Full PDB file with SEQRES, HELIX, SHEET, SSBOND, CRYST1, ORIGX, SCALE, CONECT and MASTER records, all heavy atoms in Angstrom:
SEQRES   1 A   41  GLN ARG ALA ARG LEU GLU ARG VAL CYS ARG TYR ALA LEU          
SEQRES   2 A   41  ARG PRO PRO VAL SER GLN GLU ARG LEU TYR VAL THR ASP          
SEQRES   3 A   41  GLU GLY LEU VAL ARG LEU GLN LEU ARG GLN PRO TRP ARG          
SEQRES   4 A   41  ASN GLY                                                      
HELIX    1 AA1 ARG A    2  LEU A   13  1                                  12    
HELIX    2 AA2 GLN A   19  ARG A   21  5                                   3    
SHEET    1 AA1 2 LEU A  22  VAL A  24  0                                        
SHEET    2 AA1 2 VAL A  30  LEU A  32 -1                                        
CRYST1    1.000    1.000    1.000  90.00  90.00  90.00 P 1           1          
ORIGX1      1.000000  0.000000  0.000000        0.00000                         
ORIGX2      0.000000  1.000000  0.000000        0.00000                         
ORIGX3      0.000000  0.000000  1.000000        0.00000                         
SCALE1      1.000000  0.000000  0.000000        0.00000                         
SCALE2      0.000000  1.000000  0.000000        0.00000                         
SCALE3      0.000000  0.000000  1.000000        0.00000                         
ATOM      1  N   GLN A   1     -25.733   5.365   2.297  1.00  0.00           N  
ATOM      2  CA  GLN A   1     -24.440   5.951   2.148  1.00  0.00           C  
ATOM      3  C   GLN A   1     -23.549   5.469   3.219  1.00  0.00           C  
ATOM      4  O   GLN A   1     -23.110   6.253   4.056  1.00  0.00           O  
ATOM      5  CB  GLN A   1     -24.571   7.596   2.133  1.00  0.00           C  
ATOM      6  CG  GLN A   1     -25.388   8.174   1.075  1.00  0.00           C  
ATOM      7  CD  GLN A   1     -25.434   9.577   1.035  1.00  0.00           C  
ATOM      8  OE1 GLN A   1     -24.572  10.281   1.713  1.00  0.00           O  
ATOM      9  NE2 GLN A   1     -26.353  10.115   0.222  1.00  0.00           N  
ATOM     10  N   ARG A   2     -23.063   4.136   3.110  1.00  0.00           N  
ATOM     11  CA  ARG A   2     -22.319   3.579   4.084  1.00  0.00           C  
ATOM     12  C   ARG A   2     -20.853   4.183   4.239  1.00  0.00           C  
ATOM     13  O   ARG A   2     -20.287   4.180   5.162  1.00  0.00           O  
ATOM     14  CB  ARG A   2     -22.280   2.087   3.922  1.00  0.00           C  
ATOM     15  CG  ARG A   2     -23.600   1.403   3.757  1.00  0.00           C  
ATOM     16  CD  ARG A   2     -24.393   1.579   5.070  1.00  0.00           C  
ATOM     17  NE  ARG A   2     -23.988   0.719   6.071  1.00  0.00           N  
ATOM     18  CZ  ARG A   2     -24.497   0.525   7.265  1.00  0.00           C  
ATOM     19  NH1 ARG A   2     -25.482   1.334   7.647  1.00  0.00           N  
ATOM     20  NH2 ARG A   2     -24.133  -0.264   8.150  1.00  0.00           N  
ATOM     21  N   ALA A   3     -20.278   4.529   3.028  1.00  0.00           N  
ATOM     22  CA  ALA A   3     -18.986   5.037   2.926  1.00  0.00           C  
ATOM     23  C   ALA A   3     -18.995   6.317   3.777  1.00  0.00           C  
ATOM     24  O   ALA A   3     -18.027   6.707   4.494  1.00  0.00           O  
ATOM     25  CB  ALA A   3     -18.607   5.316   1.489  1.00  0.00           C  
ATOM     26  N   ARG A   4     -20.015   7.178   3.537  1.00  0.00           N  
ATOM     27  CA  ARG A   4     -20.062   8.412   4.263  1.00  0.00           C  
ATOM     28  C   ARG A   4     -20.230   8.233   5.651  1.00  0.00           C  
ATOM     29  O   ARG A   4     -19.661   8.935   6.518  1.00  0.00           O  
ATOM     30  CB  ARG A   4     -21.163   9.352   3.745  1.00  0.00           C  
ATOM     31  CG  ARG A   4     -21.212  10.698   4.284  1.00  0.00           C  
ATOM     32  CD  ARG A   4     -22.347  11.516   3.746  1.00  0.00           C  
ATOM     33  NE  ARG A   4     -22.496  12.766   4.513  1.00  0.00           N  
ATOM     34  CZ  ARG A   4     -23.601  13.736   4.336  1.00  0.00           C  
ATOM     35  NH1 ARG A   4     -24.487  13.329   3.406  1.00  0.00           N  
ATOM     36  NH2 ARG A   4     -23.556  14.856   4.954  1.00  0.00           N  
ATOM     37  N   LEU A   5     -20.945   7.273   6.105  1.00  0.00           N  
ATOM     38  CA  LEU A   5     -21.183   7.007   7.554  1.00  0.00           C  
ATOM     39  C   LEU A   5     -19.872   6.551   8.125  1.00  0.00           C  
ATOM     40  O   LEU A   5     -19.601   6.809   9.287  1.00  0.00           O  
ATOM     41  CB  LEU A   5     -22.353   5.933   7.711  1.00  0.00           C  
ATOM     42  CG  LEU A   5     -22.621   5.397   9.034  1.00  0.00           C  
ATOM     43  CD1 LEU A   5     -23.049   6.710   9.925  1.00  0.00           C  
ATOM     44  CD2 LEU A   5     -23.628   4.281   9.134  1.00  0.00           C  
ATOM     45  N   GLU A   6     -19.141   5.731   7.431  1.00  0.00           N  
ATOM     46  CA  GLU A   6     -17.891   5.254   7.824  1.00  0.00           C  
ATOM     47  C   GLU A   6     -16.874   6.512   8.118  1.00  0.00           C  
ATOM     48  O   GLU A   6     -16.160   6.430   9.036  1.00  0.00           O  
ATOM     49  CB  GLU A   6     -17.298   4.315   6.918  1.00  0.00           C  
ATOM     50  CG  GLU A   6     -15.935   3.621   7.354  1.00  0.00           C  
ATOM     51  CD  GLU A   6     -15.572   2.431   6.528  1.00  0.00           C  
ATOM     52  OE1 GLU A   6     -16.292   2.017   5.651  1.00  0.00           O  
ATOM     53  OE2 GLU A   6     -14.502   1.957   6.789  1.00  0.00           O  
ATOM     54  N   ARG A   7     -16.972   7.409   7.160  1.00  0.00           N  
ATOM     55  CA  ARG A   7     -16.073   8.604   7.509  1.00  0.00           C  
ATOM     56  C   ARG A   7     -16.552   9.341   8.709  1.00  0.00           C  
ATOM     57  O   ARG A   7     -15.680   9.867   9.524  1.00  0.00           O  
ATOM     58  CB  ARG A   7     -16.109   9.485   6.218  1.00  0.00           C  
ATOM     59  CG  ARG A   7     -15.450   8.960   5.061  1.00  0.00           C  
ATOM     60  CD  ARG A   7     -15.334  10.104   3.988  1.00  0.00           C  
ATOM     61  NE  ARG A   7     -16.424  10.652   3.519  1.00  0.00           N  
ATOM     62  CZ  ARG A   7     -17.183  10.244   2.467  1.00  0.00           C  
ATOM     63  NH1 ARG A   7     -16.716   9.091   1.784  1.00  0.00           N  
ATOM     64  NH2 ARG A   7     -18.406  10.682   2.058  1.00  0.00           N  
ATOM     65  N   VAL A   8     -17.849   9.424   9.010  1.00  0.00           N  
ATOM     66  CA  VAL A   8     -18.393  10.001  10.138  1.00  0.00           C  
ATOM     67  C   VAL A   8     -17.842   9.280  11.487  1.00  0.00           C  
ATOM     68  O   VAL A   8     -17.353   9.932  12.414  1.00  0.00           O  
ATOM     69  CB  VAL A   8     -19.835  10.253  10.147  1.00  0.00           C  
ATOM     70  CG1 VAL A   8     -20.430  10.801  11.472  1.00  0.00           C  
ATOM     71  CG2 VAL A   8     -20.265  11.221   8.976  1.00  0.00           C  
ATOM     72  N   CYS A   9     -17.970   8.002  11.347  1.00  0.00           N  
ATOM     73  CA  CYS A   9     -17.512   7.235  12.516  1.00  0.00           C  
ATOM     74  C   CYS A   9     -16.009   7.390  12.760  1.00  0.00           C  
ATOM     75  O   CYS A   9     -15.570   7.533  13.911  1.00  0.00           O  
ATOM     76  CB  CYS A   9     -17.797   5.715  12.218  1.00  0.00           C  
ATOM     77  SG  CYS A   9     -19.654   5.340  12.289  1.00  0.00           S  
ATOM     78  N   ARG A  10     -15.265   7.466  11.719  1.00  0.00           N  
ATOM     79  CA  ARG A  10     -13.854   7.665  11.752  1.00  0.00           C  
ATOM     80  C   ARG A  10     -13.462   9.033  12.489  1.00  0.00           C  
ATOM     81  O   ARG A  10     -12.633   9.152  13.322  1.00  0.00           O  
ATOM     82  CB  ARG A  10     -13.072   7.562  10.540  1.00  0.00           C  
ATOM     83  CG  ARG A  10     -12.928   6.103   9.929  1.00  0.00           C  
ATOM     84  CD  ARG A  10     -12.418   6.211   8.484  1.00  0.00           C  
ATOM     85  NE  ARG A  10     -12.283   4.829   7.960  1.00  0.00           N  
ATOM     86  CZ  ARG A  10     -11.040   4.173   8.208  1.00  0.00           C  
ATOM     87  NH1 ARG A  10     -10.111   4.604   8.814  1.00  0.00           N  
ATOM     88  NH2 ARG A  10     -11.037   2.870   7.626  1.00  0.00           N  
ATOM     89  N   TYR A  11     -14.182  10.039  12.059  1.00  0.00           N  
ATOM     90  CA  TYR A  11     -14.073  11.367  12.759  1.00  0.00           C  
ATOM     91  C   TYR A  11     -14.271  11.345  14.262  1.00  0.00           C  
ATOM     92  O   TYR A  11     -13.539  11.916  14.852  1.00  0.00           O  
ATOM     93  CB  TYR A  11     -14.956  12.354  11.995  1.00  0.00           C  
ATOM     94  CG  TYR A  11     -14.935  13.676  12.678  1.00  0.00           C  
ATOM     95  CD1 TYR A  11     -13.759  14.627  12.370  1.00  0.00           C  
ATOM     96  CD2 TYR A  11     -15.948  14.142  13.494  1.00  0.00           C  
ATOM     97  CE1 TYR A  11     -13.845  15.850  12.938  1.00  0.00           C  
ATOM     98  CE2 TYR A  11     -15.919  15.382  14.089  1.00  0.00           C  
ATOM     99  CZ  TYR A  11     -14.781  16.341  13.783  1.00  0.00           C  
ATOM    100  OH  TYR A  11     -14.736  17.466  14.383  1.00  0.00           O  
ATOM    101  N   ALA A  12     -15.388  10.681  14.590  1.00  0.00           N  
ATOM    102  CA  ALA A  12     -15.684  10.610  16.094  1.00  0.00           C  
ATOM    103  C   ALA A  12     -14.773   9.913  16.758  1.00  0.00           C  
ATOM    104  O   ALA A  12     -14.484  10.010  18.003  1.00  0.00           O  
ATOM    105  CB  ALA A  12     -17.078  10.038  16.270  1.00  0.00           C  
ATOM    106  N   LEU A  13     -14.092   8.751  16.196  1.00  0.00           N  
ATOM    107  CA  LEU A  13     -13.217   7.920  16.830  1.00  0.00           C  
ATOM    108  C   LEU A  13     -11.747   8.196  16.649  1.00  0.00           C  
ATOM    109  O   LEU A  13     -10.864   7.508  17.125  1.00  0.00           O  
ATOM    110  CB  LEU A  13     -13.446   6.437  16.442  1.00  0.00           C  
ATOM    111  CG  LEU A  13     -14.832   5.753  16.756  1.00  0.00           C  
ATOM    112  CD1 LEU A  13     -15.111   4.563  15.899  1.00  0.00           C  
ATOM    113  CD2 LEU A  13     -14.864   5.512  18.263  1.00  0.00           C  
ATOM    114  N   ARG A  14     -11.406   9.262  16.064  1.00  0.00           N  
ATOM    115  CA  ARG A  14     -10.063   9.509  15.608  1.00  0.00           C  
ATOM    116  C   ARG A  14      -9.244   9.731  16.872  1.00  0.00           C  
ATOM    117  O   ARG A  14      -9.689  10.113  17.992  1.00  0.00           O  
ATOM    118  CB  ARG A  14      -9.982  10.846  14.722  1.00  0.00           C  
ATOM    119  CG  ARG A  14     -10.341  12.055  15.523  1.00  0.00           C  
ATOM    120  CD  ARG A  14     -10.492  13.260  14.665  1.00  0.00           C  
ATOM    121  NE  ARG A  14     -10.642  14.542  15.226  1.00  0.00           N  
ATOM    122  CZ  ARG A  14     -11.675  15.089  15.665  1.00  0.00           C  
ATOM    123  NH1 ARG A  14     -12.765  14.282  15.631  1.00  0.00           N  
ATOM    124  NH2 ARG A  14     -11.587  16.214  16.254  1.00  0.00           N  
ATOM    125  N   PRO A  15      -7.888   9.557  16.805  1.00  0.00           N  
ATOM    126  CA  PRO A  15      -6.969   9.816  17.931  1.00  0.00           C  
ATOM    127  C   PRO A  15      -6.777  11.248  18.139  1.00  0.00           C  
ATOM    128  O   PRO A  15      -6.970  12.065  17.157  1.00  0.00           O  
ATOM    129  CB  PRO A  15      -5.675   9.099  17.545  1.00  0.00           C  
ATOM    130  CG  PRO A  15      -5.759   8.973  15.958  1.00  0.00           C  
ATOM    131  CD  PRO A  15      -7.102   8.862  15.707  1.00  0.00           C  
ATOM    132  N   PRO A  16      -6.272  11.713  19.378  1.00  0.00           N  
ATOM    133  CA  PRO A  16      -6.129  13.132  19.638  1.00  0.00           C  
ATOM    134  C   PRO A  16      -5.090  13.821  18.642  1.00  0.00           C  
ATOM    135  O   PRO A  16      -5.323  15.035  18.273  1.00  0.00           O  
ATOM    136  CB  PRO A  16      -5.531  13.106  21.086  1.00  0.00           C  
ATOM    137  CG  PRO A  16      -5.898  11.759  21.618  1.00  0.00           C  
ATOM    138  CD  PRO A  16      -5.950  10.796  20.454  1.00  0.00           C  
ATOM    139  N   VAL A  17      -3.919  13.217  18.316  1.00  0.00           N  
ATOM    140  CA  VAL A  17      -2.940  13.837  17.582  1.00  0.00           C  
ATOM    141  C   VAL A  17      -2.579  13.051  16.321  1.00  0.00           C  
ATOM    142  O   VAL A  17      -2.617  11.874  16.285  1.00  0.00           O  
ATOM    143  CB  VAL A  17      -1.573  14.070  18.363  1.00  0.00           C  
ATOM    144  CG1 VAL A  17      -1.093  12.712  18.763  1.00  0.00           C  
ATOM    145  CG2 VAL A  17      -0.625  14.984  17.547  1.00  0.00           C  
ATOM    146  N   SER A  18      -2.255  13.765  15.187  1.00  0.00           N  
ATOM    147  CA  SER A  18      -1.853  13.123  14.014  1.00  0.00           C  
ATOM    148  C   SER A  18      -0.521  13.520  13.678  1.00  0.00           C  
ATOM    149  O   SER A  18      -0.091  14.743  13.783  1.00  0.00           O  
ATOM    150  CB  SER A  18      -2.838  13.607  12.783  1.00  0.00           C  
ATOM    151  OG  SER A  18      -2.392  13.321  11.564  1.00  0.00           O  
ATOM    152  N   GLN A  19       0.265  12.647  13.177  1.00  0.00           N  
ATOM    153  CA  GLN A  19       1.744  12.894  12.750  1.00  0.00           C  
ATOM    154  C   GLN A  19       1.764  13.943  11.684  1.00  0.00           C  
ATOM    155  O   GLN A  19       2.689  14.718  11.572  1.00  0.00           O  
ATOM    156  CB  GLN A  19       2.417  11.710  12.330  1.00  0.00           C  
ATOM    157  CG  GLN A  19       2.605  10.683  13.519  1.00  0.00           C  
ATOM    158  CD  GLN A  19       3.825  10.827  14.313  1.00  0.00           C  
ATOM    159  OE1 GLN A  19       4.338  11.873  14.430  1.00  0.00           O  
ATOM    160  NE2 GLN A  19       4.326   9.688  14.788  1.00  0.00           N  
ATOM    161  N   GLU A  20       0.777  13.945  10.800  1.00  0.00           N  
ATOM    162  CA  GLU A  20       0.761  14.847   9.612  1.00  0.00           C  
ATOM    163  C   GLU A  20       0.559  16.231   9.992  1.00  0.00           C  
ATOM    164  O   GLU A  20       0.956  17.112   9.214  1.00  0.00           O  
ATOM    165  CB  GLU A  20      -0.285  14.371   8.616  1.00  0.00           C  
ATOM    166  CG  GLU A  20      -0.047  13.093   7.837  1.00  0.00           C  
ATOM    167  CD  GLU A  20      -0.249  11.868   8.711  1.00  0.00           C  
ATOM    168  OE1 GLU A  20      -0.775  12.051   9.816  1.00  0.00           O  
ATOM    169  OE2 GLU A  20       0.305  10.755   8.367  1.00  0.00           O  
ATOM    170  N   ARG A  21       0.181  16.496  11.187  1.00  0.00           N  
ATOM    171  CA  ARG A  21      -0.157  18.023  11.499  1.00  0.00           C  
ATOM    172  C   ARG A  21       0.922  18.381  12.613  1.00  0.00           C  
ATOM    173  O   ARG A  21       0.597  19.526  13.250  1.00  0.00           O  
ATOM    174  CB  ARG A  21      -1.537  18.196  12.036  1.00  0.00           C  
ATOM    175  CG  ARG A  21      -2.592  17.809  10.996  1.00  0.00           C  
ATOM    176  CD  ARG A  21      -3.973  18.291  11.285  1.00  0.00           C  
ATOM    177  NE  ARG A  21      -4.544  17.423  12.534  1.00  0.00           N  
ATOM    178  CZ  ARG A  21      -4.750  17.841  13.558  1.00  0.00           C  
ATOM    179  NH1 ARG A  21      -4.599  19.152  13.957  1.00  0.00           N  
ATOM    180  NH2 ARG A  21      -5.158  17.092  14.478  1.00  0.00           N  
ATOM    181  N   LEU A  22       1.954  17.604  12.926  1.00  0.00           N  
ATOM    182  CA  LEU A  22       2.813  17.912  13.925  1.00  0.00           C  
ATOM    183  C   LEU A  22       4.151  18.140  13.321  1.00  0.00           C  
ATOM    184  O   LEU A  22       4.680  17.350  12.556  1.00  0.00           O  
ATOM    185  CB  LEU A  22       2.863  16.677  14.982  1.00  0.00           C  
ATOM    186  CG  LEU A  22       3.462  16.959  16.335  1.00  0.00           C  
ATOM    187  CD1 LEU A  22       2.689  17.996  17.037  1.00  0.00           C  
ATOM    188  CD2 LEU A  22       3.488  15.745  17.004  1.00  0.00           C  
ATOM    189  N   TYR A  23       4.873  19.234  13.816  1.00  0.00           N  
ATOM    190  CA  TYR A  23       6.116  19.606  13.364  1.00  0.00           C  
ATOM    191  C   TYR A  23       7.025  20.126  14.511  1.00  0.00           C  
ATOM    192  O   TYR A  23       6.603  20.560  15.506  1.00  0.00           O  
ATOM    193  CB  TYR A  23       5.990  20.695  12.257  1.00  0.00           C  
ATOM    194  CG  TYR A  23       5.057  20.475  11.154  1.00  0.00           C  
ATOM    195  CD1 TYR A  23       3.818  20.982  11.245  1.00  0.00           C  
ATOM    196  CD2 TYR A  23       5.403  19.840   9.956  1.00  0.00           C  
ATOM    197  CE1 TYR A  23       2.761  20.634  10.215  1.00  0.00           C  
ATOM    198  CE2 TYR A  23       4.524  19.533   8.991  1.00  0.00           C  
ATOM    199  CZ  TYR A  23       3.198  19.990   9.097  1.00  0.00           C  
ATOM    200  OH  TYR A  23       2.327  19.782   8.045  1.00  0.00           O  
ATOM    201  N   VAL A  24       8.313  19.958  14.359  1.00  0.00           N  
ATOM    202  CA  VAL A  24       9.277  20.410  15.358  1.00  0.00           C  
ATOM    203  C   VAL A  24      10.102  21.558  14.524  1.00  0.00           C  
ATOM    204  O   VAL A  24      10.628  21.419  13.433  1.00  0.00           O  
ATOM    205  CB  VAL A  24      10.282  19.425  15.812  1.00  0.00           C  
ATOM    206  CG1 VAL A  24      11.271  20.067  16.722  1.00  0.00           C  
ATOM    207  CG2 VAL A  24       9.554  18.238  16.421  1.00  0.00           C  
ATOM    208  N   THR A  25       9.931  22.830  15.086  1.00  0.00           N  
ATOM    209  CA  THR A  25      10.543  24.011  14.382  1.00  0.00           C  
ATOM    210  C   THR A  25      12.040  23.958  14.638  1.00  0.00           C  
ATOM    211  O   THR A  25      12.609  23.256  15.420  1.00  0.00           O  
ATOM    212  CB  THR A  25       9.968  25.250  14.957  1.00  0.00           C  
ATOM    213  OG1 THR A  25      10.280  25.408  16.414  1.00  0.00           O  
ATOM    214  CG2 THR A  25       8.452  25.284  14.836  1.00  0.00           C  
ATOM    215  N   ASP A  26      12.740  24.822  13.858  1.00  0.00           N  
ATOM    216  CA  ASP A  26      14.182  25.049  14.034  1.00  0.00           C  
ATOM    217  C   ASP A  26      14.580  25.471  15.392  1.00  0.00           C  
ATOM    218  O   ASP A  26      15.698  25.247  15.868  1.00  0.00           O  
ATOM    219  CB  ASP A  26      14.653  26.080  13.051  1.00  0.00           C  
ATOM    220  CG  ASP A  26      14.579  25.534  11.588  1.00  0.00           C  
ATOM    221  OD1 ASP A  26      14.336  24.264  11.391  1.00  0.00           O  
ATOM    222  OD2 ASP A  26      14.434  26.507  10.676  1.00  0.00           O  
ATOM    223  N   GLU A  27      13.667  26.191  16.154  1.00  0.00           N  
ATOM    224  CA  GLU A  27      13.941  26.608  17.466  1.00  0.00           C  
ATOM    225  C   GLU A  27      13.732  25.519  18.539  1.00  0.00           C  
ATOM    226  O   GLU A  27      13.807  25.766  19.734  1.00  0.00           O  
ATOM    227  CB  GLU A  27      13.068  27.785  17.861  1.00  0.00           C  
ATOM    228  CG  GLU A  27      13.436  29.042  17.006  1.00  0.00           C  
ATOM    229  CD  GLU A  27      12.759  29.048  15.611  1.00  0.00           C  
ATOM    230  OE1 GLU A  27      11.870  28.130  15.503  1.00  0.00           O  
ATOM    231  OE2 GLU A  27      13.147  29.870  14.823  1.00  0.00           O  
ATOM    232  N   GLY A  28      13.289  24.374  18.096  1.00  0.00           N  
ATOM    233  CA  GLY A  28      12.996  23.194  19.011  1.00  0.00           C  
ATOM    234  C   GLY A  28      11.533  23.308  19.641  1.00  0.00           C  
ATOM    235  O   GLY A  28      11.370  22.602  20.550  1.00  0.00           O  
ATOM    236  N   LEU A  29      10.731  24.225  19.067  1.00  0.00           N  
ATOM    237  CA  LEU A  29       9.346  24.178  19.548  1.00  0.00           C  
ATOM    238  C   LEU A  29       8.491  23.267  18.686  1.00  0.00           C  
ATOM    239  O   LEU A  29       8.843  22.751  17.664  1.00  0.00           O  
ATOM    240  CB  LEU A  29       8.724  25.648  19.411  1.00  0.00           C  
ATOM    241  CG  LEU A  29       9.461  26.609  20.219  1.00  0.00           C  
ATOM    242  CD1 LEU A  29       8.987  28.076  19.934  1.00  0.00           C  
ATOM    243  CD2 LEU A  29       9.574  26.332  21.792  1.00  0.00           C  
ATOM    244  N   VAL A  30       7.311  22.969  19.383  1.00  0.00           N  
ATOM    245  CA  VAL A  30       6.179  22.019  18.705  1.00  0.00           C  
ATOM    246  C   VAL A  30       5.245  22.811  18.118  1.00  0.00           C  
ATOM    247  O   VAL A  30       4.632  23.705  18.820  1.00  0.00           O  
ATOM    248  CB  VAL A  30       5.716  20.948  19.760  1.00  0.00           C  
ATOM    249  CG1 VAL A  30       4.826  20.118  19.100  1.00  0.00           C  
ATOM    250  CG2 VAL A  30       6.848  20.303  20.398  1.00  0.00           C  
ATOM    251  N   ARG A  31       5.023  22.653  16.750  1.00  0.00           N  
ATOM    252  CA  ARG A  31       3.956  23.412  16.021  1.00  0.00           C  
ATOM    253  C   ARG A  31       2.884  22.376  15.626  1.00  0.00           C  
ATOM    254  O   ARG A  31       3.126  21.388  15.053  1.00  0.00           O  
ATOM    255  CB  ARG A  31       4.501  24.012  14.802  1.00  0.00           C  
ATOM    256  CG  ARG A  31       3.457  24.810  13.982  1.00  0.00           C  
ATOM    257  CD  ARG A  31       4.123  25.223  12.623  1.00  0.00           C  
ATOM    258  NE  ARG A  31       3.118  25.886  11.855  1.00  0.00           N  
ATOM    259  CZ  ARG A  31       2.901  27.210  11.817  1.00  0.00           C  
ATOM    260  NH1 ARG A  31       3.542  28.019  12.666  1.00  0.00           N  
ATOM    261  NH2 ARG A  31       1.962  27.684  10.878  1.00  0.00           N  
ATOM    262  N   LEU A  32       1.643  22.627  16.096  1.00  0.00           N  
ATOM    263  CA  LEU A  32       0.403  21.764  15.785  1.00  0.00           C  
ATOM    264  C   LEU A  32      -0.410  22.470  14.830  1.00  0.00           C  
ATOM    265  O   LEU A  32      -0.899  23.559  15.132  1.00  0.00           O  
ATOM    266  CB  LEU A  32      -0.229  21.437  16.998  1.00  0.00           C  
ATOM    267  CG  LEU A  32      -1.552  20.651  16.945  1.00  0.00           C  
ATOM    268  CD1 LEU A  32      -1.225  19.269  16.450  1.00  0.00           C  
ATOM    269  CD2 LEU A  32      -2.394  20.592  18.291  1.00  0.00           C  
ATOM    270  N   GLN A  33      -0.552  21.952  13.699  1.00  0.00           N  
ATOM    271  CA  GLN A  33      -1.401  22.512  12.608  1.00  0.00           C  
ATOM    272  C   GLN A  33      -2.831  22.191  12.973  1.00  0.00           C  
ATOM    273  O   GLN A  33      -3.205  21.049  13.298  1.00  0.00           O  
ATOM    274  CB  GLN A  33      -0.980  22.002  11.263  1.00  0.00           C  
ATOM    275  CG  GLN A  33      -1.411  22.899  10.211  1.00  0.00           C  
ATOM    276  CD  GLN A  33      -0.726  24.223  10.035  1.00  0.00           C  
ATOM    277  OE1 GLN A  33       0.482  24.243  10.550  1.00  0.00           O  
ATOM    278  NE2 GLN A  33      -1.186  25.192   9.309  1.00  0.00           N  
ATOM    279  N   LEU A  34      -3.666  23.231  12.939  1.00  0.00           N  
ATOM    280  CA  LEU A  34      -5.081  22.927  13.307  1.00  0.00           C  
ATOM    281  C   LEU A  34      -5.720  22.417  12.111  1.00  0.00           C  
ATOM    282  O   LEU A  34      -5.437  22.704  11.000  1.00  0.00           O  
ATOM    283  CB  LEU A  34      -5.716  24.335  13.587  1.00  0.00           C  
ATOM    284  CG  LEU A  34      -5.146  25.050  14.811  1.00  0.00           C  
ATOM    285  CD1 LEU A  34      -5.846  26.312  15.082  1.00  0.00           C  
ATOM    286  CD2 LEU A  34      -5.201  24.227  16.148  1.00  0.00           C  
ATOM    287  N   ARG A  35      -6.906  21.619  12.490  1.00  0.00           N  
ATOM    288  CA  ARG A  35      -7.581  20.949  11.292  1.00  0.00           C  
ATOM    289  C   ARG A  35      -8.452  22.087  10.547  1.00  0.00           C  
ATOM    290  O   ARG A  35      -8.568  21.951   9.384  1.00  0.00           O  
ATOM    291  CB  ARG A  35      -8.539  19.850  11.766  1.00  0.00           C  
ATOM    292  CG  ARG A  35      -7.881  18.611  12.546  1.00  0.00           C  
ATOM    293  CD  ARG A  35      -8.867  17.700  12.848  1.00  0.00           C  
ATOM    294  NE  ARG A  35      -9.531  17.002  11.769  1.00  0.00           N  
ATOM    295  CZ  ARG A  35     -10.703  17.233  11.373  1.00  0.00           C  
ATOM    296  NH1 ARG A  35     -11.409  18.095  11.975  1.00  0.00           N  
ATOM    297  NH2 ARG A  35     -11.290  16.583  10.270  1.00  0.00           N  
ATOM    298  N   GLN A  36      -8.996  22.914  11.312  1.00  0.00           N  
ATOM    299  CA  GLN A  36      -9.799  24.085  10.728  1.00  0.00           C  
ATOM    300  C   GLN A  36      -9.310  25.379  11.353  1.00  0.00           C  
ATOM    301  O   GLN A  36      -8.999  25.496  12.590  1.00  0.00           O  
ATOM    302  CB  GLN A  36     -11.300  23.919  11.033  1.00  0.00           C  
ATOM    303  CG  GLN A  36     -11.876  22.677  10.476  1.00  0.00           C  
ATOM    304  CD  GLN A  36     -11.977  22.670   9.044  1.00  0.00           C  
ATOM    305  OE1 GLN A  36     -11.914  23.746   8.395  1.00  0.00           O  
ATOM    306  NE2 GLN A  36     -12.121  21.543   8.383  1.00  0.00           N  
ATOM    307  N   PRO A  37      -9.056  26.388  10.515  1.00  0.00           N  
ATOM    308  CA  PRO A  37      -8.707  27.755  11.030  1.00  0.00           C  
ATOM    309  C   PRO A  37      -9.619  28.282  12.058  1.00  0.00           C  
ATOM    310  O   PRO A  37     -10.874  28.141  11.979  1.00  0.00           O  
ATOM    311  CB  PRO A  37      -8.620  28.500   9.865  1.00  0.00           C  
ATOM    312  CG  PRO A  37      -8.469  27.688   8.698  1.00  0.00           C  
ATOM    313  CD  PRO A  37      -9.101  26.372   9.154  1.00  0.00           C  
ATOM    314  N   TRP A  38      -9.119  28.984  13.117  1.00  0.00           N  
ATOM    315  CA  TRP A  38      -9.927  29.559  14.018  1.00  0.00           C  
ATOM    316  C   TRP A  38     -10.682  30.874  13.466  1.00  0.00           C  
ATOM    317  O   TRP A  38     -10.337  31.350  12.321  1.00  0.00           O  
ATOM    318  CB  TRP A  38      -9.296  29.886  15.340  1.00  0.00           C  
ATOM    319  CG  TRP A  38      -8.915  28.705  16.060  1.00  0.00           C  
ATOM    320  CD1 TRP A  38      -9.408  27.442  16.008  1.00  0.00           C  
ATOM    321  CD2 TRP A  38      -7.905  28.622  17.170  1.00  0.00           C  
ATOM    322  NE1 TRP A  38      -8.898  26.615  16.872  1.00  0.00           N  
ATOM    323  CE2 TRP A  38      -7.995  27.261  17.670  1.00  0.00           C  
ATOM    324  CE3 TRP A  38      -7.141  29.603  17.886  1.00  0.00           C  
ATOM    325  CZ2 TRP A  38      -7.091  26.919  18.671  1.00  0.00           C  
ATOM    326  CZ3 TRP A  38      -6.408  29.170  18.875  1.00  0.00           C  
ATOM    327  CH2 TRP A  38      -6.337  27.769  19.331  1.00  0.00           C  
ATOM    328  N   ARG A  39     -11.651  31.347  14.167  1.00  0.00           N  
ATOM    329  CA  ARG A  39     -12.298  32.552  13.608  1.00  0.00           C  
ATOM    330  C   ARG A  39     -11.313  33.708  13.443  1.00  0.00           C  
ATOM    331  O   ARG A  39     -11.611  34.591  12.594  1.00  0.00           O  
ATOM    332  CB  ARG A  39     -13.445  32.952  14.628  1.00  0.00           C  
ATOM    333  CG  ARG A  39     -14.561  31.963  14.690  1.00  0.00           C  
ATOM    334  CD  ARG A  39     -15.564  32.453  15.573  1.00  0.00           C  
ATOM    335  NE  ARG A  39     -16.766  31.480  15.691  1.00  0.00           N  
ATOM    336  CZ  ARG A  39     -17.858  31.614  16.292  1.00  0.00           C  
ATOM    337  NH1 ARG A  39     -18.120  32.755  17.008  1.00  0.00           N  
ATOM    338  NH2 ARG A  39     -18.844  30.718  16.250  1.00  0.00           N  
ATOM    339  N   ASN A  40     -10.262  33.826  14.185  1.00  0.00           N  
ATOM    340  CA  ASN A  40      -9.285  34.958  14.017  1.00  0.00           C  
ATOM    341  C   ASN A  40      -8.201  34.742  12.965  1.00  0.00           C  
ATOM    342  O   ASN A  40      -7.288  35.439  12.818  1.00  0.00           O  
ATOM    343  CB  ASN A  40      -8.645  35.394  15.347  1.00  0.00           C  
ATOM    344  CG  ASN A  40      -7.890  34.109  15.871  1.00  0.00           C  
ATOM    345  OD1 ASN A  40      -7.835  33.062  15.376  1.00  0.00           O  
ATOM    346  ND2 ASN A  40      -7.124  34.425  16.959  1.00  0.00           N  
ATOM    347  N   GLY A  41      -8.389  33.469  12.276  1.00  0.00           N  
ATOM    348  CA  GLY A  41      -7.462  33.233  11.264  1.00  0.00           C  
ATOM    349  C   GLY A  41      -6.362  32.388  11.638  1.00  0.00           C  
ATOM    350  O   GLY A  41      -5.466  32.026  10.889  1.00  0.00           O  
TER     351      GLY A  41                                                      
MASTER        0    0    0    2    2    0    0    6  350    1    0    4          
END                                                                             
């Protein structure tokens, strides 16, 4: 399953921040969307 192994390698080697999960709010604050919700939601 080389395609799956490639996805695992990408996950381990990924950069810290992704543009798709980063937003600037109307108040000028930075909102970072989490990859997975925390236990408290």
